[in-house]
Amino acid sequence: MPSRDALAGSFLARTDWAGASIAPLAGDASNRRYLRLTHPARGPAVLMDAPPEKGEDVRPFARIARHLSSFGLSAPTILAEDETNGFLLLEDLGDDLFARVIPRDPALERPLYEAATDVLLALRDAPLPSGLAPYSPELMAELAVLAFDWYLAHSRRPDPAARAGFLAAFRPLLEHHVAEQSTLIQRDYHAENLLWLPSRHGPARVGLLDFQDAMTGHPAYDLVSLLQDARRDVPPEIEQAMIARHVTASGADRDAFDTAYHLLGAQRNLRILGVFARLCLRDGKAHYVDLIPRVWGLLQRDLAHPALAPVAPLVRRALPEPTPDTLRTLKDKCATIPTP
């Protein structure tokens, strides 16, 4: 079977970017890789290489990109595609990730978060594409227990009773407060996945990069993803201002939205604890362990909300605090697993 490089070369030879120079771009936690192409006549573009043999599929990305672009949001334009072999040629939206722009120009932090919040408001009012799976209470609960399956199980002795007790208490809360499936959620909507495009207008000033796993869900979910960022500290005053901006513009009930925000925050942060531990232990990506203390802190804030009272003691008893010793134990275990 031809190598991925050979397949990529064959794909590019059939596009207007044949003969372009190629340089790697930063990847993510998936099996996809990204390459920047520079053509003397056509300019820049980005090649997404998503190997089907590793479980990747470019079709969801292409479908959601076209949907987002159809009502004026800045997803990359699809320039060429090879669904069978897993390649997309994309519009290059540049390098100005929020996570890079803010340290360079701190005065832009609030305007960037306002623009990103306005994208979510635009999505709230937009039609849903067909075929999206629901981010249901059942699925959310099962993903939250990744914290028990990976973070807990490889830090202490596994505790099936604690896992079952948490599920029994947590799922009814999700069903009662966040069962709404009214909007498209991108699920990884944060500063490392958003680009600043100041020459565009309104919500289109935010370039969108990571939405291939989109589902239908609660309007608060991506706001939590944005403001409870595992990779950077969002100032509390910006977090509260963006929640207020969303509530005011959408006409949501503030108390109900606040409850949903913290419940979804707890769900998301528990899932991330499990995913980061899994990326280390299963895939040998030890650097994700360094992000766990921030996620833990965000989780504790969410658990302090009154609506989380039925599960907060269960979580705090079962899951170990990420002390230096706990984190060292995780890293020691994953250091023996070679990266694929």
Foldseek 3Di string as FASTA:
>chain_A
DDDLVVVVQVQCCVAPLNPWDWDWDDDDLAPKTKIWTQDPPPGIKIKIQFAVVRVGFCVLVQVVLVVLPVVPAAEWDFRDDDRVGGMTITHDPDDAFLVVVCVVPVVCNLVVLLLLLQSLVVQLPDDDDPDFAACALVVLLVLLCLLQVFLQVLLDPRDVVLSVQLSVQLSVLCVVQWRDQRGKDQQQQERRAWHAQPVDDGSNRIYGGGRSNIHGTGSLQNLLNHQLPLPDHHDPVSNVVSLVVNCVVVVHDSVSSVLVNLSSLLSSLSSLSSVLLCCQQVQVPLVSLVSNLSSVVSNVVSCPDPSNVSNSVSCVVRGDRPDVVSSVSSNVNSNVPYHD
